Structures are given as C-alpha cells and as structure tokens.
C-alpha cells in the first residue's frame, strides 16, 4: 500500500471516528440541557455542558481542517504535527513546541 493510500485511509477512518464522536457529544449535550426542573441537577450538569461544548468545538475544528486539507499542520508555525501526536490527540492544532508556548 502506498503512503498516499495509507494516509487517505487513515484520514477517512479519522473523519468517520470524529463524526461519530461529534454525534455522540451532540446527543449528550441534548440530554444535559434538557430542563428537568431540578435546580440541583441543572447545577451539576453545568460543568458537563461546558466540557461537552468544548469537545464539540475541538472535534468540529478538526473536521473543518480535514475538509480544508490543513489537518495535521501546526496553526502557529505551519510544520507537520507528528502522526503519533494526532493519533493520541486527534484535535491537536499545534505541534508540541508551539503548544507549550501557547500554554505558557
């Protein structure tokens, strides 16, 4: 299998996985935001809602980058993000050095 075919297969599988995760998080957000009338439950769900929305934002960003052909390139310096990093953190926007500067 050529590298291009391998990369295309990986991207196709990644897109399917990210799409599935997006759908799961969307369903979760719908559940969390359903008003049950219980103030204690609403308070407890607030942090979960924020985390779920952040995950949706990260996943949709990765899907946009895949569609645009920019997935896997650091948004700060433009270098390729190592595949190992993307396999662990598929929504990574920065290479490790730029991420460390961004967080610092």
Protein backbone atom coordinates (compact mmCIF):
# COMPACT_ATOMS: atom_id res chain seq x y z
CA UNK A 1 0.00 0.00 0.00
CA UNK A 2 1.45 3.37 -0.96
CA UNK A 3 1.95 6.12 1.61
CA UNK A 4 -0.72 8.25 -0.10
CA UNK A 5 -3.24 5.39 0.04
CA UNK A 6 -2.32 4.71 3.66
CA UNK A 7 -2.69 8.39 4.59
CA UNK A 8 -6.01 8.64 2.74
CA UNK A 9 -7.30 5.54 4.52
CA UNK A 10 -6.18 6.97 7.86
CA UNK A 11 -7.86 10.31 7.12
CA UNK A 12 -11.08 8.56 6.06
CA UNK A 13 -11.11 6.48 9.25
CA UNK A 14 -10.25 9.54 11.34
CA UNK A 15 -13.07 11.54 9.76
CA UNK A 16 -15.54 8.73 10.48
CA UNK A 17 -14.35 8.49 14.09
CA UNK A 18 -14.55 12.26 14.61
CA UNK A 19 -18.00 12.39 13.02
CA UNK A 20 -19.21 9.60 15.32
CA UNK A 21 -17.75 11.40 18.36
CA UNK A 22 -19.39 14.65 17.27
CA UNK A 23 -22.76 12.93 17.02
CA UNK A 24 -22.31 11.29 20.44
CA UNK A 25 -21.35 14.59 22.08
CA UNK A 26 -24.29 16.34 20.40
CA UNK A 27 -26.68 13.73 21.80
CA UNK A 28 -25.04 14.10 25.22
CA UNK A 29 -25.41 17.87 25.10
CA UNK A 30 -29.10 17.48 24.24
CA UNK A 31 -29.53 15.24 27.28
CA UNK A 32 -27.62 17.59 29.58
CA UNK A 33 -29.55 20.67 28.52
CA UNK A 34 -32.99 19.08 28.88
CA UNK A 35 -34.77 21.01 31.61
CA UNK A 36 -35.88 18.56 34.26
CA UNK A 37 -37.00 21.29 36.64
CA UNK A 38 -34.49 20.11 39.26
CA UNK A 39 -32.18 23.03 40.22
CA UNK A 40 -29.62 20.67 41.79
CA UNK A 41 -29.38 18.64 38.58
CA UNK A 42 -29.06 21.80 36.48
CA UNK A 43 -26.18 22.99 38.67
CA UNK A 44 -24.44 19.61 38.47
CA UNK A 45 -24.85 19.49 34.70
CA UNK A 46 -23.37 22.97 34.14
CA UNK A 47 -19.74 21.78 34.17
CA UNK A 48 -20.61 18.79 31.99
CA UNK A 49 -22.33 21.09 29.49
CA UNK A 50 -19.25 23.33 29.27
CA UNK A 51 -16.93 20.33 28.79
CA UNK A 52 -19.22 18.80 26.15
CA UNK A 53 -19.40 22.08 24.22
CA UNK A 54 -15.59 22.36 24.32
CA UNK A 55 -15.29 18.82 22.95
CA UNK A 56 -17.75 19.63 20.17
CA UNK A 57 -15.75 22.73 19.28
CA UNK A 58 -12.47 20.76 19.15
CA UNK A 59 -13.99 17.97 17.06
CA UNK A 60 -15.70 20.34 14.62
CA UNK A 61 -12.42 22.23 14.24
CA UNK A 62 -10.59 19.01 13.38
CA UNK A 63 -13.31 18.09 10.86
CA UNK A 64 -13.05 21.56 9.26
CA UNK A 65 -9.27 21.20 8.97
CA UNK A 66 -9.69 17.75 7.39
CA UNK A 67 -12.13 19.15 4.85
CA UNK A 68 -9.87 22.12 4.10
CA UNK A 69 -6.77 19.95 3.70
CA UNK A 70 -4.94 21.69 6.56
CA UNK A 71 -5.35 18.92 9.13
CA UNK A 72 -2.07 17.89 10.70
CA UNK A 73 -0.30 21.20 10.21
CA UNK A 74 0.53 23.41 13.19
CA UNK A 75 -1.66 26.51 13.12
CA UNK A 76 1.18 28.60 14.55
CA UNK A 77 4.36 27.58 12.70
CA UNK A 78 2.92 25.51 9.84
CA UNK A 79 5.07 22.44 10.41
CA UNK A 80 3.58 18.96 10.25
CA UNK A 81 2.28 17.68 13.58
CA UNK A 82 3.70 14.18 14.15
CA UNK A 83 1.17 11.48 13.41
CA UNK A 84 1.78 9.92 16.82
CA UNK A 85 0.53 13.14 18.43
CA UNK A 86 -2.53 13.22 16.18
CA UNK A 87 -3.35 9.60 16.96
CA UNK A 88 -3.37 10.42 20.68
CA UNK A 89 -4.91 13.90 20.33
CA UNK A 90 -6.79 13.98 17.01
CA UNK A 91 -7.98 17.55 17.52
CA UNK A 92 -4.42 18.91 18.07
CA UNK A 93 -4.00 22.31 16.46
CA UNK A 94 -0.36 22.90 17.36
CA UNK A 95 2.92 20.98 17.36
CA UNK A 96 4.31 20.28 20.84
CA UNK A 97 6.76 23.25 20.95
CA UNK A 98 4.06 25.72 19.84
CA UNK A 99 1.51 24.16 22.24
CA UNK A 100 3.96 24.63 25.11
CA UNK A 101 4.46 28.30 24.13
CA UNK A 102 0.68 28.73 23.75
CA UNK A 103 0.05 27.35 27.26
CA UNK A 104 3.00 29.14 28.82
